[in-house]
Amino acid sequence: MLITACFMVFGYGAFYEIAKHPPKAIQNAATSGIETLERTQNGQILLSDLTGRNLFKPLITAPVAHKIVVLPPVAPPVPKIPISQKAARFHLVGIIPGDPTQAIIEDAQTHSTIYAAAGQKIDDIQVSKILSDRVVLTCEDDQMDLML
C-alpha cells in the first residue's frame, strides 16, 4: 500500500512541494540539489525535521548564471582619401616667376582663383614645389603633380 503525503513548505516567496517518492526519485532529487529530509523506515517525513528546518534556506539551490558581456562593435577606421581625389577640383592655370614663385590655381568647387607659393596650404593640401611646368602637391604621405 503506497500512501502519498504532501507537505507545503514556504521558502523565498514560493511554495515548494515535498512529497513521498519512490526510492529512485528520492536519489534523483538528492543529486539535483533538493535538500532531503530524514525519513523513518516506512518513508514518512518526521515533524521534527520540518520544524527544525531553516525556512529562509531554499530547498533548491539555483545554478549560478554567468553573465555574458557583449562589447559594442568597434567602428572601422576612416578610409584614407587619396590626394588625387582631394585635389581633383584644382586646375593649374599658370605660374608667375619671381621671388617667391607663385602658382595660379583655379578651384572648381568654390569657383575662385588661388595664388599660392611653395609651403602654403590649401585646405589640408600643401604646395610643396613650384616648377616651371608643374606644381607638386602633398597631403600626408601622398604626392601629386598639377601640370600646365
N, C-alpha and C. Protein backbone atom coordinates (compact mmCIF):
# COMPACT_ATOMS: atom_id res chain seq x y z
N MET A 1 0.85 -1.16 0.00
CA MET A 1 0.00 0.00 0.00
C MET A 1 0.90 1.23 0.00
N LEU A 2 0.66 2.07 -0.98
CA LEU A 2 1.51 3.24 -1.15
C LEU A 2 0.70 4.47 -0.81
N ILE A 3 1.09 5.16 0.20
CA ILE A 3 0.38 6.38 0.61
C ILE A 3 1.28 7.56 0.28
N THR A 4 0.71 8.52 -0.43
CA THR A 4 1.48 9.69 -0.79
C THR A 4 1.06 10.83 0.11
N ALA A 5 2.00 11.41 0.82
CA ALA A 5 1.70 12.53 1.70
C ALA A 5 2.42 13.75 1.15
N CYS A 6 1.72 14.85 1.05
CA CYS A 6 2.31 16.08 0.53
C CYS A 6 2.32 17.14 1.62
N PHE A 7 3.40 17.85 1.70
CA PHE A 7 3.52 18.96 2.64
C PHE A 7 3.90 20.20 1.85
N MET A 8 3.37 21.32 2.22
CA MET A 8 3.73 22.58 1.55
C MET A 8 4.66 23.35 2.49
N VAL A 9 5.77 23.76 2.00
CA VAL A 9 6.75 24.49 2.78
C VAL A 9 6.96 25.83 2.11
N PHE A 10 6.97 26.90 2.87
CA PHE A 10 7.15 28.24 2.33
C PHE A 10 8.62 28.60 2.37
N GLY A 11 9.18 29.09 1.26
CA GLY A 11 10.58 29.46 1.24
C GLY A 11 10.86 30.43 0.12
N TYR A 12 11.43 31.60 0.40
CA TYR A 12 11.79 32.63 -0.58
C TYR A 12 10.61 33.01 -1.47
N GLY A 13 9.44 33.19 -0.86
CA GLY A 13 8.30 33.69 -1.62
C GLY A 13 7.67 32.68 -2.55
N ALA A 14 8.02 31.45 -2.48
CA ALA A 14 7.44 30.44 -3.37
C ALA A 14 7.15 29.19 -2.56
N PHE A 15 6.21 28.41 -3.00
CA PHE A 15 5.88 27.16 -2.32
C PHE A 15 6.61 26.03 -3.00
N TYR A 16 7.20 25.20 -2.20
CA TYR A 16 7.86 24.01 -2.73
C TYR A 16 7.13 22.79 -2.19
N GLU A 17 6.97 21.86 -2.97
CA GLU A 17 6.26 20.66 -2.57
C GLU A 17 7.26 19.57 -2.25
N ILE A 18 7.11 19.03 -1.07
CA ILE A 18 7.93 17.90 -0.68
C ILE A 18 6.99 16.71 -0.64
N ALA A 19 7.23 15.74 -1.40
CA ALA A 19 6.32 14.60 -1.48
C ALA A 19 7.11 13.32 -1.25
N LYS A 20 6.38 12.31 -0.87
CA LYS A 20 6.99 10.99 -0.70
C LYS A 20 7.12 10.38 -2.09
N HIS A 21 8.33 10.00 -2.46
CA HIS A 21 8.60 9.46 -3.78
C HIS A 21 9.16 8.06 -3.64
N PRO A 22 9.10 7.30 -4.72
CA PRO A 22 9.79 6.01 -4.70
C PRO A 22 11.28 6.24 -4.50
N PRO A 23 12.04 5.25 -4.02
CA PRO A 23 13.45 5.42 -3.69
C PRO A 23 14.30 5.99 -4.83
N LYS A 24 14.05 5.63 -6.09
CA LYS A 24 14.84 6.11 -7.22
C LYS A 24 14.63 7.62 -7.41
N ALA A 25 13.40 8.08 -7.24
CA ALA A 25 13.10 9.51 -7.37
C ALA A 25 13.75 10.30 -6.25
N ILE A 26 13.84 9.72 -5.06
CA ILE A 26 14.49 10.40 -3.94
C ILE A 26 15.97 10.57 -4.23
N GLN A 27 16.60 9.56 -4.80
CA GLN A 27 18.01 9.67 -5.14
C GLN A 27 18.24 10.73 -6.20
N ASN A 28 17.35 10.79 -7.21
CA ASN A 28 17.47 11.82 -8.25
C ASN A 28 17.31 13.21 -7.66
N ALA A 29 16.37 13.36 -6.72
CA ALA A 29 16.15 14.66 -6.09
C ALA A 29 17.37 15.06 -5.27
N ALA A 30 17.99 14.10 -4.60
CA ALA A 30 19.16 14.41 -3.78
C ALA A 30 20.33 14.85 -4.64
N THR A 31 20.49 14.27 -5.81
CA THR A 31 21.61 14.64 -6.67
C THR A 31 21.34 15.92 -7.43
N SER A 32 20.07 16.34 -7.55
CA SER A 32 19.76 17.55 -8.31
C SER A 32 19.78 18.80 -7.44
N GLY A 33 20.13 18.68 -6.16
CA GLY A 33 20.27 19.87 -5.32
C GLY A 33 19.11 20.07 -4.37
N ILE A 34 18.08 19.22 -4.37
CA ILE A 34 16.97 19.36 -3.44
C ILE A 34 17.40 18.79 -2.10
N GLU A 35 17.15 19.56 -1.06
CA GLU A 35 17.56 19.12 0.27
C GLU A 35 16.67 17.96 0.69
N THR A 36 17.26 16.88 1.14
CA THR A 36 16.48 15.72 1.58
C THR A 36 16.30 15.77 3.08
N LEU A 37 15.12 15.39 3.54
CA LEU A 37 14.83 15.36 4.96
C LEU A 37 14.93 13.92 5.44
N GLU A 38 15.19 13.76 6.73
CA GLU A 38 15.28 12.41 7.28
C GLU A 38 13.92 11.75 7.22
N ARG A 39 13.90 10.48 6.91
CA ARG A 39 12.66 9.74 6.82
C ARG A 39 12.74 8.53 7.76
N THR A 40 11.61 8.14 8.21
CA THR A 40 11.58 6.94 9.03
C THR A 40 11.72 5.73 8.12
N GLN A 41 11.75 4.56 8.71
CA GLN A 41 11.92 3.36 7.91
C GLN A 41 10.76 3.12 6.96
N ASN A 42 9.58 3.58 7.29
CA ASN A 42 8.44 3.38 6.40
C ASN A 42 8.32 4.52 5.37
N GLY A 43 9.26 5.49 5.35
CA GLY A 43 9.30 6.52 4.32
C GLY A 43 8.58 7.80 4.67
N GLN A 44 8.10 7.97 5.90
CA GLN A 44 7.39 9.19 6.28
C GLN A 44 8.39 10.24 6.78
N ILE A 45 8.07 11.52 6.53
CA ILE A 45 8.92 12.62 6.99
C ILE A 45 8.50 12.95 8.42
N LEU A 46 9.48 13.10 9.30
CA LEU A 46 9.18 13.40 10.70
C LEU A 46 8.85 14.88 10.86
N LEU A 47 7.90 15.18 11.74
CA LEU A 47 7.51 16.56 12.00
C LEU A 47 8.67 17.33 12.62
N SER A 48 9.50 16.67 13.38
CA SER A 48 10.65 17.33 14.00
C SER A 48 11.63 17.83 12.94
N ASP A 49 11.70 17.12 11.79
CA ASP A 49 12.56 17.58 10.70
C ASP A 49 12.03 18.87 10.09
N LEU A 50 10.71 18.96 9.94
CA LEU A 50 10.11 20.16 9.34
C LEU A 50 10.21 21.36 10.26
N THR A 51 10.01 21.16 11.56
CA THR A 51 10.05 22.29 12.48
C THR A 51 11.47 22.76 12.73
N GLY A 52 12.43 21.88 12.59
CA GLY A 52 13.81 22.26 12.82
C GLY A 52 14.49 22.83 11.58
N ARG A 53 13.80 22.81 10.45
CA ARG A 53 14.38 23.27 9.19
C ARG A 53 14.40 24.80 9.11
N ASN A 54 15.47 25.36 8.57
CA ASN A 54 15.58 26.80 8.35
C ASN A 54 14.68 27.19 7.18
N LEU A 55 13.63 27.96 7.46
CA LEU A 55 12.68 28.35 6.40
C LEU A 55 13.27 29.36 5.42
N PHE A 56 14.36 30.01 5.78
CA PHE A 56 14.96 31.02 4.91
C PHE A 56 16.02 30.45 3.97
N LYS A 57 16.26 29.17 4.10
CA LYS A 57 17.19 28.50 3.21
C LYS A 57 16.36 27.81 2.13
N PRO A 58 16.64 28.07 0.86
CA PRO A 58 15.83 27.46 -0.19
C PRO A 58 16.05 25.96 -0.27
N LEU A 59 14.99 25.27 -0.70
CA LEU A 59 15.12 23.83 -0.89
C LEU A 59 15.97 23.51 -2.11
N ILE A 60 15.82 24.32 -3.11
CA ILE A 60 16.55 24.09 -4.36
C ILE A 60 17.56 25.22 -4.51
N THR A 61 18.80 24.88 -4.71
CA THR A 61 19.81 25.91 -4.95
C THR A 61 19.84 26.23 -6.43
N ALA A 62 19.71 27.49 -6.72
CA ALA A 62 19.68 27.93 -8.12
C ALA A 62 21.09 27.88 -8.70
N PRO A 63 21.21 27.45 -9.95
CA PRO A 63 22.53 27.45 -10.58
C PRO A 63 23.00 28.88 -10.81
N VAL A 64 24.30 29.09 -10.73
CA VAL A 64 24.88 30.40 -10.94
C VAL A 64 24.88 30.70 -12.43
N ALA A 65 24.25 31.80 -12.77
CA ALA A 65 24.20 32.19 -14.19
C ALA A 65 25.40 33.07 -14.50
N HIS A 66 26.10 32.74 -15.55
CA HIS A 66 27.25 33.53 -15.97
C HIS A 66 26.74 34.63 -16.88
N LYS A 67 27.18 35.82 -16.59
CA LYS A 67 26.74 36.97 -17.38
C LYS A 67 27.68 37.13 -18.57
N ILE A 68 27.09 37.22 -19.74
CA ILE A 68 27.87 37.41 -20.97
C ILE A 68 27.86 38.90 -21.30
N VAL A 69 29.03 39.46 -21.41
CA VAL A 69 29.17 40.88 -21.73
C VAL A 69 29.42 41.01 -23.22
N VAL A 70 28.55 41.76 -23.87
CA VAL A 70 28.70 41.98 -25.30
C VAL A 70 29.25 43.39 -25.49
N LEU A 71 30.41 43.47 -26.09
CA LEU A 71 31.03 44.77 -26.32
C LEU A 71 30.47 45.38 -27.60
N PRO A 72 30.31 46.69 -27.62
CA PRO A 72 29.82 47.31 -28.85
C PRO A 72 30.85 47.15 -29.96
N PRO A 73 30.38 47.04 -31.18
CA PRO A 73 31.33 46.88 -32.28
C PRO A 73 32.21 48.13 -32.43
N VAL A 74 33.45 47.89 -32.73
CA VAL A 74 34.40 48.98 -32.92
C VAL A 74 34.22 49.52 -34.33
N ALA A 75 34.13 50.84 -34.42
CA ALA A 75 33.97 51.46 -35.73
C ALA A 75 35.24 51.26 -36.55
N PRO A 76 35.06 50.93 -37.81
CA PRO A 76 36.26 50.74 -38.64
C PRO A 76 36.98 52.08 -38.82
N PRO A 77 38.27 52.05 -39.07
CA PRO A 77 38.99 53.30 -39.25
C PRO A 77 38.48 54.03 -40.50
N VAL A 78 38.58 55.34 -40.43
CA VAL A 78 38.13 56.17 -41.54
C VAL A 78 39.05 55.90 -42.73
N PRO A 79 38.47 55.57 -43.88
CA PRO A 79 39.33 55.27 -45.03
C PRO A 79 40.09 56.52 -45.47
N LYS A 80 41.31 56.30 -45.87
CA LYS A 80 42.17 57.40 -46.30
C LYS A 80 41.77 57.82 -47.72
N ILE A 81 41.50 59.10 -47.87
CA ILE A 81 41.11 59.63 -49.18
C ILE A 81 42.40 60.00 -49.92
N PRO A 82 42.59 59.45 -51.11
CA PRO A 82 43.82 59.75 -51.85
C PRO A 82 43.86 61.22 -52.29
N ILE A 83 45.08 61.74 -52.43
CA ILE A 83 45.25 63.14 -52.80
C ILE A 83 44.69 63.42 -54.19
N SER A 84 44.71 62.42 -55.06
CA SER A 84 44.15 62.62 -56.40
C SER A 84 42.66 62.94 -56.33
N GLN A 85 41.97 62.37 -55.35
CA GLN A 85 40.55 62.64 -55.19
C GLN A 85 40.34 64.00 -54.50
N LYS A 86 41.19 64.34 -53.54
CA LYS A 86 41.07 65.62 -52.85
C LYS A 86 41.40 66.79 -53.76
N ALA A 87 42.42 66.61 -54.62
CA ALA A 87 42.89 67.70 -55.48
C ALA A 87 42.25 67.68 -56.86
N ALA A 88 41.24 66.85 -57.06
CA ALA A 88 40.59 66.77 -58.37
C ALA A 88 39.90 68.09 -58.74
N ARG A 89 39.57 68.89 -57.76
CA ARG A 89 38.89 70.17 -58.01
C ARG A 89 39.85 71.28 -58.44
N PHE A 90 41.17 71.05 -58.28
CA PHE A 90 42.16 72.08 -58.63
C PHE A 90 42.64 71.91 -60.08
N HIS A 91 42.86 73.07 -60.71
CA HIS A 91 43.39 73.09 -62.08
C HIS A 91 44.46 74.19 -62.13
N LEU A 92 45.67 73.80 -62.59
CA LEU A 92 46.78 74.77 -62.67
C LEU A 92 46.59 75.63 -63.90
N VAL A 93 46.48 76.96 -63.68
CA VAL A 93 46.25 77.90 -64.78
C VAL A 93 47.56 78.50 -65.27
N GLY A 94 48.45 78.80 -64.32
CA GLY A 94 49.70 79.41 -64.73
C GLY A 94 50.68 79.48 -63.57
N ILE A 95 51.92 79.89 -63.92
CA ILE A 95 52.98 80.04 -62.92
C ILE A 95 53.58 81.43 -63.11
N ILE A 96 53.71 82.17 -62.02
CA ILE A 96 54.29 83.51 -62.05
C ILE A 96 55.71 83.40 -61.48
N PRO A 97 56.75 83.58 -62.34
CA PRO A 97 58.12 83.51 -61.83
C PRO A 97 58.42 84.75 -60.98
N GLY A 98 59.32 84.62 -60.10
CA GLY A 98 59.70 85.75 -59.25
C GLY A 98 60.20 85.22 -57.92
N ASP A 99 60.23 86.15 -56.95
CA ASP A 99 60.68 85.77 -55.63
C ASP A 99 59.59 86.14 -54.64
N PRO A 100 58.81 85.26 -54.17
CA PRO A 100 58.73 83.83 -54.42
C PRO A 100 57.92 83.54 -55.70
N THR A 101 58.18 82.38 -56.26
CA THR A 101 57.42 81.93 -57.42
C THR A 101 56.03 81.53 -56.94
N GLN A 102 55.01 81.95 -57.73
CA GLN A 102 53.64 81.65 -57.34
C GLN A 102 52.94 80.83 -58.42
N ALA A 103 52.00 80.02 -57.98
CA ALA A 103 51.19 79.23 -58.91
C ALA A 103 49.77 79.79 -58.88
N ILE A 104 49.17 79.86 -60.08
CA ILE A 104 47.78 80.31 -60.18
C ILE A 104 46.94 79.04 -60.34
N ILE A 105 46.12 78.77 -59.32
CA ILE A 105 45.32 77.54 -59.29
C ILE A 105 43.85 77.93 -59.21
N GLU A 106 43.05 77.32 -60.09
CA GLU A 106 41.59 77.52 -60.04
C GLU A 106 40.96 76.41 -59.22
N ASP A 107 40.03 76.81 -58.35
CA ASP A 107 39.28 75.85 -57.55
C ASP A 107 37.89 75.73 -58.18
N ALA A 108 37.60 74.59 -58.80
CA ALA A 108 36.33 74.39 -59.49
C ALA A 108 35.16 74.28 -58.51
N GLN A 109 35.42 73.91 -57.29
CA GLN A 109 34.35 73.75 -56.30
C GLN A 109 33.85 75.11 -55.81
N THR A 110 34.78 76.00 -55.49
CA THR A 110 34.40 77.32 -54.97
C THR A 110 34.38 78.40 -56.05
N HIS A 111 34.80 78.04 -57.28
CA HIS A 111 34.88 78.98 -58.40
C HIS A 111 35.72 80.21 -58.04
N SER A 112 36.91 79.92 -57.51
CA SER A 112 37.82 81.00 -57.13
C SER A 112 39.21 80.71 -57.66
N THR A 113 40.03 81.76 -57.71
CA THR A 113 41.41 81.65 -58.15
C THR A 113 42.31 81.81 -56.93
N ILE A 114 43.28 80.91 -56.81
CA ILE A 114 44.19 80.90 -55.66
C ILE A 114 45.60 81.17 -56.17
N TYR A 115 46.27 82.15 -55.52
CA TYR A 115 47.69 82.42 -55.79
C TYR A 115 48.46 81.83 -54.63
N ALA A 116 49.22 80.74 -54.91
CA ALA A 116 49.90 80.02 -53.84
C ALA A 116 51.40 79.97 -54.08
N ALA A 117 52.17 80.12 -52.98
CA ALA A 117 53.63 79.99 -53.02
C ALA A 117 54.00 78.63 -52.42
N ALA A 118 55.25 78.22 -52.61
CA ALA A 118 55.72 76.94 -52.06
C ALA A 118 55.62 76.98 -50.54
N GLY A 119 55.11 75.90 -49.95
CA GLY A 119 54.95 75.82 -48.49
C GLY A 119 53.57 76.23 -48.02
N GLN A 120 52.77 76.84 -48.87
CA GLN A 120 51.43 77.29 -48.48
C GLN A 120 50.45 76.12 -48.55
N LYS A 121 49.43 76.15 -47.67
CA LYS A 121 48.43 75.08 -47.65
C LYS A 121 47.11 75.58 -48.22
N ILE A 122 46.48 74.71 -48.99
CA ILE A 122 45.13 74.94 -49.48
C ILE A 122 44.30 73.82 -48.85
N ASP A 123 43.44 74.17 -47.88
CA ASP A 123 42.73 73.20 -47.04
C ASP A 123 43.78 72.32 -46.35
N ASP A 124 43.83 71.03 -46.59
CA ASP A 124 44.84 70.18 -45.97
C ASP A 124 45.89 69.71 -46.98
N ILE A 125 45.90 70.33 -48.15
CA ILE A 125 46.88 70.00 -49.20
C ILE A 125 47.93 71.09 -49.23
N GLN A 126 49.20 70.68 -49.19
CA GLN A 126 50.30 71.64 -49.18
C GLN A 126 50.95 71.71 -50.56
N VAL A 127 51.28 72.95 -50.96
CA VAL A 127 52.03 73.17 -52.20
C VAL A 127 53.50 72.97 -51.84
N SER A 128 54.10 71.85 -52.30
CA SER A 128 55.49 71.52 -51.93
C SER A 128 56.49 72.26 -52.79
N LYS A 129 56.36 72.13 -54.11
CA LYS A 129 57.31 72.75 -55.05
C LYS A 129 56.54 73.39 -56.19
N ILE A 130 57.11 74.44 -56.69
CA ILE A 130 56.58 75.06 -57.90
C ILE A 130 57.71 75.04 -58.93
N LEU A 131 57.51 74.26 -59.99
CA LEU A 131 58.49 74.13 -61.06
C LEU A 131 57.98 74.93 -62.26
N SER A 132 58.76 74.99 -63.33
CA SER A 132 58.39 75.80 -64.49
C SER A 132 57.16 75.26 -65.24
N ASP A 133 56.89 73.95 -65.15
CA ASP A 133 55.76 73.39 -65.90
C ASP A 133 54.73 72.66 -65.04
N ARG A 134 54.98 72.61 -63.74
CA ARG A 134 54.05 71.89 -62.86
C ARG A 134 54.19 72.35 -61.41
N VAL A 135 53.20 71.94 -60.61
CA VAL A 135 53.19 72.21 -59.17
C VAL A 135 53.05 70.86 -58.47
N VAL A 136 53.88 70.65 -57.45
CA VAL A 136 53.84 69.40 -56.69
C VAL A 136 53.03 69.65 -55.41
N LEU A 137 51.94 68.84 -55.25
CA LEU A 137 51.07 68.94 -54.07
C LEU A 137 51.30 67.71 -53.20
N THR A 138 51.28 67.90 -51.87
CA THR A 138 51.42 66.77 -50.94
C THR A 138 50.33 66.85 -49.88
N CYS A 139 49.91 65.69 -49.45
CA CYS A 139 48.94 65.56 -48.35
C CYS A 139 49.28 64.28 -47.61
N GLU A 140 49.68 64.41 -46.35
CA GLU A 140 50.15 63.28 -45.54
C GLU A 140 51.32 62.61 -46.27
N ASP A 141 51.16 61.39 -46.77
CA ASP A 141 52.26 60.69 -47.45
C ASP A 141 52.09 60.69 -48.96
N ASP A 142 50.98 61.19 -49.44
CA ASP A 142 50.71 61.18 -50.89
C ASP A 142 51.29 62.42 -51.57
N GLN A 143 51.58 62.24 -52.84
CA GLN A 143 52.13 63.34 -53.63
C GLN A 143 51.47 63.32 -55.01
N MET A 144 51.25 64.52 -55.57
CA MET A 144 50.58 64.62 -56.86
C MET A 144 51.10 65.84 -57.59
N ASP A 145 51.18 65.75 -58.91
CA ASP A 145 51.61 66.87 -59.74
C ASP A 145 50.42 67.46 -60.47
N LEU A 146 50.35 68.81 -60.45
CA LEU A 146 49.38 69.52 -61.29
C LEU A 146 50.17 70.05 -62.48
N MET A 147 49.79 69.64 -63.66
CA MET A 147 50.52 70.03 -64.87
C MET A 147 49.81 71.21 -65.54
N LEU A 148 50.62 72.04 -66.26
CA LEU A 148 50.06 73.11 -67.07
C LEU A 148 49.40 72.56 -68.31
